[in-house]
């Protein structure tokens, strides 16, 4: 059997095996990973879970404060008051510049 024939045979076998691989991944691997993550989370001591939760909330709040600072800086740069209408105007202008 030549190398080309082996490659063709291997390609066909992979195509035939794909539905089984996809089914196994969807029905076994992904639920296993999710369950493992949940079990590991609940096996952590409560004080560690609380510390992780506090840290994630702190990061989220810091991110939102940074967004607020950027919007307020844009409003000041355009000499606009901090009103919902002006925030919409600034946000739409920022979206246009990004995309």
Protein backbone atom coordinates (compact mmCIF):
# COMPACT_ATOMS: atom_id res chain seq x y z
CA UNK A 1 0.00 0.00 0.00
CA UNK A 2 1.44 3.37 -0.99
CA UNK A 3 1.58 6.47 1.17
CA UNK A 4 -1.17 8.12 -0.87
CA UNK A 5 -3.46 5.14 -0.39
CA UNK A 6 -2.76 5.19 3.35
CA UNK A 7 -3.57 8.88 3.53
CA UNK A 8 -6.81 8.38 1.64
CA UNK A 9 -7.78 5.43 3.84
CA UNK A 10 -6.94 7.38 6.97
CA UNK A 11 -9.03 10.32 5.75
CA UNK A 12 -12.04 8.09 5.11
CA UNK A 13 -11.68 6.44 8.51
CA UNK A 14 -11.54 9.83 10.20
CA UNK A 15 -14.65 10.94 8.32
CA UNK A 16 -16.45 7.78 9.38
CA UNK A 17 -15.29 8.17 12.98
CA UNK A 18 -16.23 11.84 13.26
CA UNK A 19 -19.90 11.32 14.24
CA UNK A 20 -18.84 8.94 17.00
CA UNK A 21 -16.15 11.30 18.24
CA UNK A 22 -18.60 14.22 18.23
CA UNK A 23 -21.25 12.16 20.03
CA UNK A 24 -18.76 10.97 22.65
CA UNK A 25 -17.55 14.53 23.18
CA UNK A 26 -21.06 15.92 23.56
CA UNK A 27 -22.44 13.10 25.72
CA UNK A 28 -19.42 12.15 27.85
CA UNK A 29 -16.46 14.53 27.77
CA UNK A 30 -18.22 17.90 28.20
CA UNK A 31 -20.55 16.73 31.01
CA UNK A 32 -17.57 15.07 32.72
CA UNK A 33 -15.58 18.30 32.60
CA UNK A 34 -18.50 20.32 33.93
CA UNK A 35 -19.20 17.85 36.73
CA UNK A 36 -15.52 17.74 37.64
CA UNK A 37 -15.42 21.53 37.91
CA UNK A 38 -18.53 21.59 40.13
CA UNK A 39 -17.21 18.82 42.40
CA UNK A 40 -13.85 20.52 42.77
CA UNK A 41 -15.56 23.83 43.57
CA UNK A 42 -17.66 22.33 46.34
CA UNK A 43 -14.69 20.40 47.75
CA UNK A 44 -12.85 23.66 48.33
CA UNK A 45 -13.08 24.95 51.89
CA UNK A 46 -15.74 27.62 52.35
CA UNK A 47 -13.23 30.38 53.18
CA UNK A 48 -11.39 29.77 49.88
CA UNK A 49 -14.63 29.86 47.89
CA UNK A 50 -15.61 33.09 49.64
CA UNK A 51 -12.21 34.61 48.86
CA UNK A 52 -12.54 33.65 45.18
CA UNK A 53 -16.04 35.12 45.01
CA UNK A 54 -14.96 38.37 46.68
CA UNK A 55 -12.01 38.69 44.31
CA UNK A 56 -14.15 38.11 41.21
CA UNK A 57 -16.69 40.69 42.41
CA UNK A 58 -13.87 43.16 43.08
CA UNK A 59 -12.45 42.66 39.57
CA UNK A 60 -15.88 43.09 38.01
CA UNK A 61 -16.49 46.30 39.95
CA UNK A 62 -13.03 47.63 38.99
CA UNK A 63 -13.73 46.88 35.33
CA UNK A 64 -17.01 48.77 35.45
CA UNK A 65 -15.35 51.69 37.21
CA UNK A 66 -12.75 51.79 34.44
CA UNK A 67 -15.50 51.87 31.81
CA UNK A 68 -17.18 54.73 33.69
CA UNK A 69 -13.90 56.66 33.78
CA UNK A 70 -13.42 56.25 30.04
CA UNK A 71 -16.96 57.42 29.29
CA UNK A 72 -16.63 60.41 31.62
CA UNK A 73 -13.30 61.34 30.03
CA UNK A 74 -14.92 61.22 26.59
CA UNK A 75 -17.78 63.38 27.82
CA UNK A 76 -15.32 65.93 29.25
CA UNK A 77 -13.27 65.86 26.04
CA UNK A 78 -16.38 66.76 24.03
CA UNK A 79 -17.58 69.24 26.68
CA UNK A 80 -20.85 67.39 27.17
CA UNK A 81 -22.85 67.03 30.37
CA UNK A 82 -23.25 63.57 31.90
CA UNK A 83 -26.77 62.75 30.70
CA UNK A 84 -28.14 59.49 29.29
CA UNK A 85 -28.53 61.04 25.84
CA UNK A 86 -24.92 62.21 25.75
CA UNK A 87 -23.73 58.81 26.99
CA UNK A 88 -25.60 57.15 24.12
CA UNK A 89 -24.02 59.59 21.69
CA UNK A 90 -20.51 58.90 23.04
CA UNK A 91 -21.04 55.13 23.10
CA UNK A 92 -22.26 55.08 19.50
CA UNK A 93 -19.28 57.19 18.42
CA UNK A 94 -16.91 54.82 20.23
CA UNK A 95 -18.53 51.82 18.54
CA UNK A 96 -18.12 53.43 15.12
CA UNK A 97 -14.43 54.03 15.76
CA UNK A 98 -13.85 50.43 16.82
CA UNK A 99 -15.67 48.76 13.99
